[in-house]
Amino acid sequence: LVDDQPLIRMGLRMVLEARGFAVVGEASDGGEAIAQAAALAPDVI
């Protein structure tokens, strides 16, 4: 999950985990997203 607003990320996590998805990480900006994508290899960002 990549969004600069913590509340947006929290809301997405709650909705998606309730539907069985695995949230493997979060990022608050583009630079962090690039690093997290390389480290975590998520299926969908």
PDB file of all heavy atoms in Angstrom:
ATOM      1  N   LEU A   1       0.838  -1.187   0.000  1.00  0.00           N
ATOM      2  CA  LEU A   1       0.000   0.000   0.000  1.00  0.00           C
ATOM      3  C   LEU A   1       0.879   1.245   0.000  1.00  0.00           C
ATOM      4  O   LEU A   1       1.728   1.408   0.879  1.00  0.00           O
ATOM      5  CB  LEU A   1      -0.911   0.015   1.228  1.00  0.00           C
ATOM      6  CG  LEU A   1      -1.711  -1.264   1.507  1.00  0.00           C
ATOM      7  CD1 LEU A   1      -2.568  -1.080   2.760  1.00  0.00           C
ATOM      8  CD2 LEU A   1      -2.571  -1.634   0.304  1.00  0.00           C
ATOM      9  N   VAL A   2       0.674   2.118  -0.988  1.00  0.00           N
ATOM     10  CA  VAL A   2       1.492   3.329  -1.099  1.00  0.00           C
ATOM     11  C   VAL A   2       0.592   4.557  -1.101  1.00  0.00           C
ATOM     12  O   VAL A   2      -0.178   4.786  -2.040  1.00  0.00           O
ATOM     13  CB  VAL A   2       2.339   3.303  -2.394  1.00  0.00           C
ATOM     14  CG1 VAL A   2       3.248   4.539  -2.441  1.00  0.00           C
ATOM     15  CG2 VAL A   2       3.150   2.021  -2.494  1.00  0.00           C
ATOM     16  N   ASP A   3       0.668   5.342  -0.034  1.00  0.00           N
ATOM     17  CA  ASP A   3      -0.125   6.561   0.092  1.00  0.00           C
ATOM     18  C   ASP A   3       0.511   7.411   1.178  1.00  0.00           C
ATOM     19  O   ASP A   3       0.960   6.876   2.200  1.00  0.00           O
ATOM     20  CB  ASP A   3      -1.582   6.229   0.450  1.00  0.00           C
ATOM     21  CG  ASP A   3      -2.525   7.404   0.215  1.00  0.00           C
ATOM     22  OD1 ASP A   3      -2.389   8.438   0.922  1.00  0.00           O
ATOM     23  OD2 ASP A   3      -3.378   7.297  -0.669  1.00  0.00           O
ATOM     24  N   ASP A   4       0.546   8.719   0.985  1.00  0.00           N
ATOM     25  CA  ASP A   4       1.195   9.578   1.983  1.00  0.00           C
ATOM     26  C   ASP A   4       0.306   9.844   3.190  1.00  0.00           C
ATOM     27  O   ASP A   4       0.754  10.423   4.176  1.00  0.00           O
ATOM     28  CB  ASP A   4       1.640  10.903   1.343  1.00  0.00           C
ATOM     29  CG  ASP A   4       0.467  11.716   0.810  1.00  0.00           C
ATOM     30  OD1 ASP A   4      -0.445  11.110   0.210  1.00  0.00           O
ATOM     31  OD2 ASP A   4       0.468  12.946   0.970  1.00  0.00           O
ATOM     32  N   GLN A   5      -0.958   9.398   3.133  1.00  0.00           N
ATOM     33  CA  GLN A   5      -1.859   9.611   4.267  1.00  0.00           C
ATOM     34  C   GLN A   5      -2.032   8.309   5.061  1.00  0.00           C
ATOM     35  O   GLN A   5      -2.609   7.340   4.557  1.00  0.00           O
ATOM     36  CB  GLN A   5      -3.217  10.100   3.776  1.00  0.00           C
ATOM     37  CG  GLN A   5      -3.158  11.426   3.034  1.00  0.00           C
ATOM     38  CD  GLN A   5      -4.524  11.917   2.618  1.00  0.00           C
ATOM     39  OE1 GLN A   5      -5.449  11.955   3.430  1.00  0.00           O
ATOM     40  NE2 GLN A   5      -4.661  12.302   1.369  1.00  0.00           N
ATOM     41  N   PRO A   6      -1.549   8.276   6.305  1.00  0.00           N
ATOM     42  CA  PRO A   6      -1.640   7.070   7.134  1.00  0.00           C
ATOM     43  C   PRO A   6      -3.057   6.538   7.288  1.00  0.00           C
ATOM     44  O   PRO A   6      -3.277   5.326   7.300  1.00  0.00           O
ATOM     45  CB  PRO A   6      -1.072   7.520   8.488  1.00  0.00           C
ATOM     46  CG  PRO A   6      -0.161   8.656   8.150  1.00  0.00           C
ATOM     47  CD  PRO A   6      -0.842   9.366   7.019  1.00  0.00           C
ATOM     48  N   LEU A   7      -4.049   7.441   7.392  1.00  0.00           N
ATOM     49  CA  LEU A   7      -5.423   6.993   7.570  1.00  0.00           C
ATOM     50  C   LEU A   7      -5.948   6.270   6.331  1.00  0.00           C
ATOM     51  O   LEU A   7      -6.737   5.330   6.438  1.00  0.00           O
ATOM     52  CB  LEU A   7      -6.333   8.178   7.905  1.00  0.00           C
ATOM     53  CG  LEU A   7      -6.181   8.757   9.318  1.00  0.00           C
ATOM     54  CD1 LEU A   7      -7.104   9.960   9.505  1.00  0.00           C
ATOM     55  CD2 LEU A   7      -6.476   7.687  10.363  1.00  0.00           C
ATOM     56  N   ILE A   8      -5.510   6.714   5.164  1.00  0.00           N
ATOM     57  CA  ILE A   8      -5.913   6.035   3.919  1.00  0.00           C
ATOM     58  C   ILE A   8      -5.328   4.635   3.901  1.00  0.00           C
ATOM     59  O   ILE A   8      -6.024   3.655   3.585  1.00  0.00           O
ATOM     60  CB  ILE A   8      -5.432   6.821   2.682  1.00  0.00           C
ATOM     61  CG1 ILE A   8      -6.118   8.187   2.600  1.00  0.00           C
ATOM     62  CG2 ILE A   8      -5.691   6.004   1.412  1.00  0.00           C
ATOM     63  CD1 ILE A   8      -7.599   8.113   2.315  1.00  0.00           C
ATOM     64  N   ARG A   9      -4.044   4.523   4.252  1.00  0.00           N
ATOM     65  CA  ARG A   9      -3.403   3.202   4.267  1.00  0.00           C
ATOM     66  C   ARG A   9      -4.089   2.294   5.290  1.00  0.00           C
ATOM     67  O   ARG A   9      -4.306   1.111   5.036  1.00  0.00           O
ATOM     68  CB  ARG A   9      -1.915   3.329   4.588  1.00  0.00           C
ATOM     69  CG  ARG A   9      -1.118   4.122   3.563  1.00  0.00           C
ATOM     70  CD  ARG A   9       0.382   3.834   3.656  1.00  0.00           C
ATOM     71  NE  ARG A   9       0.920   4.016   4.989  1.00  0.00           N
ATOM     72  CZ  ARG A   9       1.367   5.171   5.461  1.00  0.00           C
ATOM     73  NH1 ARG A   9       1.321   6.270   4.713  1.00  0.00           N
ATOM     74  NH2 ARG A   9       1.868   5.263   6.693  1.00  0.00           N
ATOM     75  N   MET A  10      -4.414   2.856   6.456  1.00  0.00           N
ATOM     76  CA  MET A  10      -5.063   2.056   7.489  1.00  0.00           C
ATOM     77  C   MET A  10      -6.422   1.549   7.011  1.00  0.00           C
ATOM     78  O   MET A  10      -6.774   0.376   7.197  1.00  0.00           O
ATOM     79  CB  MET A  10      -5.256   2.899   8.763  1.00  0.00           C
ATOM     80  CG  MET A  10      -5.922   2.127   9.905  1.00  0.00           C
ATOM     81  SD  MET A  10      -6.268   3.215  11.330  1.00  0.00           S
ATOM     82  CE  MET A  10      -4.599   3.738  11.759  1.00  0.00           C
ATOM     83  N   GLY A  11      -7.199   2.435   6.371  1.00  0.00           N
ATOM     84  CA  GLY A  11      -8.502   2.038   5.867  1.00  0.00           C
ATOM     85  C   GLY A  11      -8.401   0.953   4.799  1.00  0.00           C
ATOM     86  O   GLY A  11      -9.158  -0.024   4.809  1.00  0.00           O
ATOM     87  N   LEU A  12      -7.442   1.115   3.890  1.00  0.00           N
ATOM     88  CA  LEU A  12      -7.247   0.104   2.847  1.00  0.00           C
ATOM     89  C   LEU A  12      -6.844  -1.232   3.451  1.00  0.00           C
ATOM     90  O   LEU A  12      -7.339  -2.289   3.055  1.00  0.00           O
ATOM     91  CB  LEU A  12      -6.171   0.576   1.856  1.00  0.00           C
ATOM     92  CG  LEU A  12      -6.589   1.657   0.859  1.00  0.00           C
ATOM     93  CD1 LEU A  12      -5.378   2.168   0.097  1.00  0.00           C
ATOM     94  CD2 LEU A  12      -7.641   1.117  -0.104  1.00  0.00           C
ATOM     95  N   ARG A  13      -5.944  -1.177   4.414  1.00  0.00           N
ATOM     96  CA  ARG A  13      -5.490  -2.418   5.057  1.00  0.00           C
ATOM     97  C   ARG A  13      -6.658  -3.150   5.712  1.00  0.00           C
ATOM     98  O   ARG A  13      -6.808  -4.366   5.559  1.00  0.00           O
ATOM     99  CB  ARG A  13      -4.402  -2.114   6.097  1.00  0.00           C
ATOM    100  CG  ARG A  13      -3.914  -3.359   6.853  1.00  0.00           C
ATOM    101  CD  ARG A  13      -2.902  -2.985   7.921  1.00  0.00           C
ATOM    102  NE  ARG A  13      -1.584  -2.736   7.363  1.00  0.00           N
ATOM    103  CZ  ARG A  13      -0.661  -3.673   7.161  1.00  0.00           C
ATOM    104  NH1 ARG A  13      -0.945  -4.954   7.437  1.00  0.00           N
ATOM    105  NH2 ARG A  13       0.516  -3.365   6.671  1.00  0.00           N
ATOM    106  N   MET A  14      -7.494  -2.406   6.422  1.00  0.00           N
ATOM    107  CA  MET A  14      -8.629  -3.030   7.097  1.00  0.00           C
ATOM    108  C   MET A  14      -9.581  -3.689   6.102  1.00  0.00           C
ATOM    109  O   MET A  14     -10.020  -4.824   6.281  1.00  0.00           O
ATOM    110  CB  MET A  14      -9.372  -1.985   7.933  1.00  0.00           C
ATOM    111  CG  MET A  14      -8.597  -1.493   9.149  1.00  0.00           C
ATOM    112  SD  MET A  14      -9.453  -0.144  10.011  1.00  0.00           S
ATOM    113  CE  MET A  14     -10.941  -0.993  10.538  1.00  0.00           C
ATOM    114  N   VAL A  15      -9.883  -2.961   5.030  1.00  0.00           N
ATOM    115  CA  VAL A  15     -10.817  -3.480   4.027  1.00  0.00           C
ATOM    116  C   VAL A  15     -10.243  -4.708   3.331  1.00  0.00           C
ATOM    117  O   VAL A  15     -10.925  -5.730   3.160  1.00  0.00           O
ATOM    118  CB  VAL A  15     -11.134  -2.392   2.977  1.00  0.00           C
ATOM    119  CG1 VAL A  15     -11.847  -2.997   1.769  1.00  0.00           C
ATOM    120  CG2 VAL A  15     -12.001  -1.297   3.596  1.00  0.00           C
ATOM    121  N   LEU A  16      -8.978  -4.632   2.943  1.00  0.00           N
ATOM    122  CA  LEU A  16      -8.376  -5.704   2.147  1.00  0.00           C
ATOM    123  C   LEU A  16      -8.040  -6.939   2.972  1.00  0.00           C
ATOM    124  O   LEU A  16      -8.220  -8.068   2.511  1.00  0.00           O
ATOM    125  CB  LEU A  16      -7.141  -5.168   1.423  1.00  0.00           C
ATOM    126  CG  LEU A  16      -7.472  -4.085   0.387  1.00  0.00           C
ATOM    127  CD1 LEU A  16      -6.209  -3.411  -0.121  1.00  0.00           C
ATOM    128  CD2 LEU A  16      -8.271  -4.669  -0.761  1.00  0.00           C
ATOM    129  N   GLU A  17      -7.557  -6.736   4.183  1.00  0.00           N
ATOM    130  CA  GLU A  17      -7.270  -7.902   5.025  1.00  0.00           C
ATOM    131  C   GLU A  17      -8.561  -8.613   5.408  1.00  0.00           C
ATOM    132  O   GLU A  17      -8.583  -9.846   5.543  1.00  0.00           O
ATOM    133  CB  GLU A  17      -6.475  -7.479   6.257  1.00  0.00           C
ATOM    134  CG  GLU A  17      -5.041  -7.087   5.935  1.00  0.00           C
ATOM    135  CD  GLU A  17      -4.200  -6.788   7.172  1.00  0.00           C
ATOM    136  OE1 GLU A  17      -4.787  -6.451   8.222  1.00  0.00           O
ATOM    137  OE2 GLU A  17      -2.957  -6.868   7.074  1.00  0.00           O
ATOM    138  N   ALA A  18      -9.643  -7.854   5.558  1.00  0.00           N
ATOM    139  CA  ALA A  18     -10.933  -8.472   5.889  1.00  0.00           C
ATOM    140  C   ALA A  18     -11.421  -9.357   4.746  1.00  0.00           C
ATOM    141  O   ALA A  18     -12.228 -10.266   4.960  1.00  0.00           O
ATOM    142  CB  ALA A  18     -11.974  -7.392   6.185  1.00  0.00           C
ATOM    143  N   ARG A  19     -10.910  -9.095   3.545  1.00  0.00           N
ATOM    144  CA  ARG A  19     -11.292  -9.897   2.385  1.00  0.00           C
ATOM    145  C   ARG A  19     -10.232 -10.929   2.015  1.00  0.00           C
ATOM    146  O   ARG A  19     -10.259 -11.496   0.938  1.00  0.00           O
ATOM    147  CB  ARG A  19     -11.599  -8.967   1.202  1.00  0.00           C
ATOM    148  CG  ARG A  19     -12.961  -8.297   1.363  1.00  0.00           C
ATOM    149  CD  ARG A  19     -13.105  -7.060   0.514  1.00  0.00           C
ATOM    150  NE  ARG A  19     -14.469  -6.519   0.646  1.00  0.00           N
ATOM    151  CZ  ARG A  19     -14.912  -5.841   1.691  1.00  0.00           C
ATOM    152  NH1 ARG A  19     -14.118  -5.634   2.719  1.00  0.00           N
ATOM    153  NH2 ARG A  19     -16.156  -5.386   1.733  1.00  0.00           N
ATOM    154  N   GLY A  20      -9.289 -11.140   2.911  1.00  0.00           N
ATOM    155  CA  GLY A  20      -8.341 -12.224   2.740  1.00  0.00           C
ATOM    156  C   GLY A  20      -7.033 -11.902   2.055  1.00  0.00           C
ATOM    157  O   GLY A  20      -6.191 -12.783   1.878  1.00  0.00           O
ATOM    158  N   PHE A  21      -6.828 -10.653   1.655  1.00  0.00           N
ATOM    159  CA  PHE A  21      -5.559 -10.296   1.029  1.00  0.00           C
ATOM    160  C   PHE A  21      -4.451 -10.224   2.076  1.00  0.00           C
ATOM    161  O   PHE A  21      -4.714  -9.976   3.260  1.00  0.00           O
ATOM    162  CB  PHE A  21      -5.655  -8.934   0.338  1.00  0.00           C
ATOM    163  CG  PHE A  21      -6.498  -8.931  -0.907  1.00  0.00           C
ATOM    164  CD1 PHE A  21      -7.818  -8.527  -0.861  1.00  0.00           C
ATOM    165  CD2 PHE A  21      -5.971  -9.328  -2.123  1.00  0.00           C
ATOM    166  CE1 PHE A  21      -8.602  -8.515  -1.996  1.00  0.00           C
ATOM    167  CE2 PHE A  21      -6.743  -9.326  -3.274  1.00  0.00           C
ATOM    168  CZ  PHE A  21      -8.065  -8.915  -3.208  1.00  0.00           C
ATOM    169  N   ALA A  22      -3.226 -10.399   1.647  1.00  0.00           N
ATOM    170  CA  ALA A  22      -2.075 -10.276   2.541  1.00  0.00           C
ATOM    171  C   ALA A  22      -1.385  -8.943   2.258  1.00  0.00           C
ATOM    172  O   ALA A  22      -0.791  -8.761   1.191  1.00  0.00           O
ATOM    173  CB  ALA A  22      -1.102 -11.433   2.303  1.00  0.00           C
ATOM    174  N   VAL A  23      -1.491  -7.990   3.171  1.00  0.00           N
ATOM    175  CA  VAL A  23      -0.798  -6.713   3.020  1.00  0.00           C
ATOM    176  C   VAL A  23       0.617  -6.906   3.540  1.00  0.00           C
ATOM    177  O   VAL A  23       0.839  -7.011   4.748  1.00  0.00           O
ATOM    178  CB  VAL A  23      -1.517  -5.588   3.797  1.00  0.00           C
ATOM    179  CG1 VAL A  23      -0.726  -4.284   3.693  1.00  0.00           C
ATOM    180  CG2 VAL A  23      -2.939  -5.401   3.261  1.00  0.00           C
ATOM    181  N   VAL A  24       1.579  -6.958   2.626  1.00  0.00           N
ATOM    182  CA  VAL A  24       2.959  -7.282   3.004  1.00  0.00           C
ATOM    183  C   VAL A  24       3.774  -6.058   3.394  1.00  0.00           C
ATOM    184  O   VAL A  24       4.859  -6.180   3.971  1.00  0.00           O
ATOM    185  CB  VAL A  24       3.676  -8.047   1.875  1.00  0.00           C
ATOM    186  CG1 VAL A  24       2.971  -9.362   1.603  1.00  0.00           C
ATOM    187  CG2 VAL A  24       3.752  -7.204   0.596  1.00  0.00           C
ATOM    188  N   GLY A  25       3.267  -4.852   3.076  1.00  0.00           N
ATOM    189  CA  GLY A  25       4.021  -3.667   3.439  1.00  0.00           C
ATOM    190  C   GLY A  25       3.286  -2.388   3.098  1.00  0.00           C
ATOM    191  O   GLY A  25       2.244  -2.408   2.435  1.00  0.00           O
ATOM    192  N   GLU A  26       3.833  -1.257   3.582  1.00  0.00           N
ATOM    193  CA  GLU A  26       3.273   0.059   3.313  1.00  0.00           C
ATOM    194  C   GLU A  26       4.401   1.025   2.999  1.00  0.00           C
ATOM    195  O   GLU A  26       5.544   0.824   3.425  1.00  0.00           O
ATOM    196  CB  GLU A  26       2.491   0.579   4.526  1.00  0.00           C
ATOM    197  CG  GLU A  26       1.287  -0.258   4.915  1.00  0.00           C
ATOM    198  CD  GLU A  26       0.517   0.356   6.085  1.00  0.00           C
ATOM    199  OE1 GLU A  26       0.768   1.548   6.399  1.00  0.00           O
ATOM    200  OE2 GLU A  26      -0.318  -0.350   6.689  1.00  0.00           O
ATOM    201  N   ALA A  27       4.067   2.074   2.252  1.00  0.00           N
ATOM    202  CA  ALA A  27       5.041   3.119   1.933  1.00  0.00           C
ATOM    203  C   ALA A  27       4.308   4.448   1.884  1.00  0.00           C
ATOM    204  O   ALA A  27       3.129   4.505   1.511  1.00  0.00           O
ATOM    205  CB  ALA A  27       5.729   2.831   0.601  1.00  0.00           C
ATOM    206  N   SER A  28       5.001   5.521   2.269  1.00  0.00           N
ATOM    207  CA  SER A  28       4.358   6.824   2.321  1.00  0.00           C
ATOM    208  C   SER A  28       4.765   7.762   1.194  1.00  0.00           C
ATOM    209  O   SER A  28       4.267   8.881   1.103  1.00  0.00           O
ATOM    210  CB  SER A  28       4.667   7.499   3.666  1.00  0.00           C
ATOM    211  OG  SER A  28       6.067   7.649   3.824  1.00  0.00           O
ATOM    212  N   ASP A  29       5.698   7.329   0.338  1.00  0.00           N
ATOM    213  CA  ASP A  29       6.089   8.148  -0.809  1.00  0.00           C
ATOM    214  C   ASP A  29       6.676   7.257  -1.895  1.00  0.00           C
ATOM    215  O   ASP A  29       6.903   6.063  -1.687  1.00  0.00           O
ATOM    216  CB  ASP A  29       7.072   9.252  -0.410  1.00  0.00           C
ATOM    217  CG  ASP A  29       8.341   8.704   0.228  1.00  0.00           C
ATOM    218  OD1 ASP A  29       8.961   7.776  -0.340  1.00  0.00           O
ATOM    219  OD2 ASP A  29       8.723   9.208   1.303  1.00  0.00           O
ATOM    220  N   GLY A  30       6.946   7.856  -3.048  1.00  0.00           N
ATOM    221  CA  GLY A  30       7.432   7.091  -4.177  1.00  0.00           C
ATOM    222  C   GLY A  30       8.773   6.421  -3.954  1.00  0.00           C
ATOM    223  O   GLY A  30       8.976   5.268  -4.347  1.00  0.00           O
ATOM    224  N   GLY A  31       9.685   7.124  -3.310  1.00  0.00           N
ATOM    225  CA  GLY A  31      11.010   6.557  -3.062  1.00  0.00           C
ATOM    226  C   GLY A  31      10.934   5.330  -2.175  1.00  0.00           C
ATOM    227  O   GLY A  31      11.589   4.306  -2.432  1.00  0.00           O
ATOM    228  N   GLU A  32      10.117   5.422  -1.131  1.00  0.00           N
ATOM    229  CA  GLU A  32       9.947   4.288  -0.224  1.00  0.00           C
ATOM    230  C   GLU A  32       9.251   3.135  -0.940  1.00  0.00           C
ATOM    231  O   GLU A  32       9.552   1.960  -0.705  1.00  0.00           O
ATOM    232  CB  GLU A  32       9.125   4.726   0.990  1.00  0.00           C
ATOM    233  CG  GLU A  32       9.083   3.695   2.111  1.00  0.00           C
ATOM    234  CD  GLU A  32       8.317   4.188   3.327  1.00  0.00           C
ATOM    235  OE1 GLU A  32       7.975   5.391   3.373  1.00  0.00           O
ATOM    236  OE2 GLU A  32       8.067   3.363   4.229  1.00  0.00           O
ATOM    237  N   ALA A  33       8.339   3.464  -1.842  1.00  0.00           N
ATOM    238  CA  ALA A  33       7.629   2.432  -2.598  1.00  0.00           C
ATOM    239  C   ALA A  33       8.594   1.626  -3.460  1.00  0.00           C
ATOM    240  O   ALA A  33       8.494   0.397  -3.546  1.00  0.00           O
ATOM    241  CB  ALA A  33       6.560   3.075  -3.475  1.00  0.00           C
ATOM    242  N   ILE A  34       9.536   2.292  -4.091  1.00  0.00           N
ATOM    243  CA  ILE A  34      10.519   1.615  -4.935  1.00  0.00           C
ATOM    244  C   ILE A  34      11.349   0.642  -4.103  1.00  0.00           C
ATOM    245  O   ILE A  34      11.575  -0.512  -4.491  1.00  0.00           O
ATOM    246  CB  ILE A  34      11.435   2.648  -5.633  1.00  0.00           C
ATOM    247  CG1 ILE A  34      10.609   3.512  -6.596  1.00  0.00           C
ATOM    248  CG2 ILE A  34      12.575   1.948  -6.373  1.00  0.00           C
ATOM    249  CD1 ILE A  34      11.369   4.699  -7.149  1.00  0.00           C
ATOM    250  N   ALA A  35      11.791   1.111  -2.931  1.00  0.00           N
ATOM    251  CA  ALA A  35      12.594   0.255  -2.055  1.00  0.00           C
ATOM    252  C   ALA A  35      11.792  -0.931  -1.534  1.00  0.00           C
ATOM    253  O   ALA A  35      12.277  -2.066  -1.510  1.00  0.00           O
ATOM    254  CB  ALA A  35      13.121   1.089  -0.882  1.00  0.00           C
ATOM    255  N   GLN A  36      10.545  -0.687  -1.140  1.00  0.00           N
ATOM    256  CA  GLN A  36       9.694  -1.754  -0.610  1.00  0.00           C
ATOM    257  C   GLN A  36       9.358  -2.776  -1.700  1.00  0.00           C
ATOM    258  O   GLN A  36       9.274  -3.977  -1.442  1.00  0.00           O
ATOM    259  CB  GLN A  36       8.403  -1.159  -0.046  1.00  0.00           C
ATOM    260  CG  GLN A  36       8.604  -0.347   1.227  1.00  0.00           C
ATOM    261  CD  GLN A  36       8.635  -1.243   2.466  1.00  0.00           C
ATOM    262  OE1 GLN A  36       9.438  -2.159   2.563  1.00  0.00           O
ATOM    263  NE2 GLN A  36       7.746  -0.970   3.400  1.00  0.00           N
ATOM    264  N   ALA A  37       9.142  -2.301  -2.909  1.00  0.00           N
ATOM    265  CA  ALA A  37       8.825  -3.210  -4.012  1.00  0.00           C
ATOM    266  C   ALA A  37       9.997  -4.154  -4.265  1.00  0.00           C
ATOM    267  O   ALA A  37       9.807  -5.353  -4.487  1.00  0.00           O
ATOM    268  CB  ALA A  37       8.503  -2.416  -5.276  1.00  0.00           C
ATOM    269  N   ALA A  38      11.209  -3.623  -4.207  1.00  0.00           N
ATOM    270  CA  ALA A  38      12.398  -4.453  -4.425  1.00  0.00           C
ATOM    271  C   ALA A  38      12.601  -5.444  -3.288  1.00  0.00           C
ATOM    272  O   ALA A  38      12.986  -6.596  -3.507  1.00  0.00           O
ATOM    273  CB  ALA A  38      13.630  -3.554  -4.571  1.00  0.00           C
ATOM    274  N   ALA A  39      12.320  -5.007  -2.060  1.00  0.00           N
ATOM    275  CA  ALA A  39      12.565  -5.862  -0.897  1.00  0.00           C
ATOM    276  C   ALA A  39      11.475  -6.905  -0.681  1.00  0.00           C
ATOM    277  O   ALA A  39      11.763  -8.034  -0.273  1.00  0.00           O
ATOM    278  CB  ALA A  39      12.695  -4.989   0.362  1.00  0.00           C
ATOM    279  N   LEU A  40      10.229  -6.553  -0.982  1.00  0.00           N
ATOM    280  CA  LEU A  40       9.108  -7.422  -0.642  1.00  0.00           C
ATOM    281  C   LEU A  40       8.511  -8.189  -1.823  1.00  0.00           C
ATOM    282  O   LEU A  40       7.786  -9.157  -1.630  1.00  0.00           O
ATOM    283  CB  LEU A  40       7.994  -6.592   0.012  1.00  0.00           C
ATOM    284  CG  LEU A  40       8.385  -5.834   1.287  1.00  0.00           C
ATOM    285  CD1 LEU A  40       7.258  -4.908   1.724  1.00  0.00           C
ATOM    286  CD2 LEU A  40       8.736  -6.812   2.401  1.00  0.00           C
ATOM    287  N   ALA A  41       8.797  -7.738  -3.036  1.00  0.00           N
ATOM    288  CA  ALA A  41       8.261  -8.373  -4.249  1.00  0.00           C
ATOM    289  C   ALA A  41       6.753  -8.623  -4.154  1.00  0.00           C
ATOM    290  O   ALA A  41       6.291  -9.756  -4.322  1.00  0.00           O
ATOM    291  CB  ALA A  41       9.003  -9.681  -4.533  1.00  0.00           C
ATOM    292  N   PRO A  42       5.955  -7.593  -3.888  1.00  0.00           N
ATOM    293  CA  PRO A  42       4.496  -7.786  -3.788  1.00  0.00           C
ATOM    294  C   PRO A  42       3.902  -8.143  -5.149  1.00  0.00           C
ATOM    295  O   PRO A  42       4.461  -7.802  -6.194  1.00  0.00           O
ATOM    296  CB  PRO A  42       4.000  -6.415  -3.319  1.00  0.00           C
ATOM    297  CG  PRO A  42       5.012  -5.458  -3.879  1.00  0.00           C
ATOM    298  CD  PRO A  42       6.324  -6.165  -3.748  1.00  0.00           C
ATOM    299  N   ASP A  43       2.777  -8.838  -5.123  1.00  0.00           N
ATOM    300  CA  ASP A  43       2.098  -9.168  -6.370  1.00  0.00           C
ATOM    301  C   ASP A  43       1.469  -7.924  -6.988  1.00  0.00           C
ATOM    302  O   ASP A  43       1.552  -7.699  -8.202  1.00  0.00           O
ATOM    303  CB  ASP A  43       1.006 -10.213  -6.120  1.00  0.00           C
ATOM    304  CG  ASP A  43       1.572 -11.512  -5.587  1.00  0.00           C
ATOM    305  OD1 ASP A  43       2.431 -12.096  -6.261  1.00  0.00           O
ATOM    306  OD2 ASP A  43       1.155 -11.926  -4.486  1.00  0.00           O
ATOM    307  N   VAL A  44       0.827  -7.121  -6.137  1.00  0.00           N
ATOM    308  CA  VAL A  44       0.150  -5.908  -6.599  1.00  0.00           C
ATOM    309  C   VAL A  44       0.496  -4.745  -5.683  1.00  0.00           C
ATOM    310  O   VAL A  44       0.517  -4.898  -4.460  1.00  0.00           O
ATOM    311  CB  VAL A  44      -1.384  -6.097  -6.635  1.00  0.00           C
ATOM    312  CG1 VAL A  44      -2.077  -4.801  -7.054  1.00  0.00           C
ATOM    313  CG2 VAL A  44      -1.769  -7.220  -7.590  1.00  0.00           C
ATOM    314  N   ILE A  45       0.758  -3.597  -6.282  1.00  0.00           N
ATOM    315  CA  ILE A  45       1.035  -2.376  -5.527  1.00  0.00           C
ATOM    316  C   ILE A  45      -0.105  -1.403  -5.752  1.00  0.00           C
ATOM    317  O   ILE A  45      -0.425  -1.056  -6.888  1.00  0.00           O
ATOM    318  CB  ILE A  45       2.360  -1.732  -5.981  1.00  0.00           C
ATOM    319  CG1 ILE A  45       3.527  -2.703  -5.782  1.00  0.00           C
ATOM    320  CG2 ILE A  45       2.601  -0.424  -5.230  1.00  0.00           C
ATOM    321  CD1 ILE A  45       4.825  -2.236  -6.411  1.00  0.00           C
TER     322      ILE A  45
END
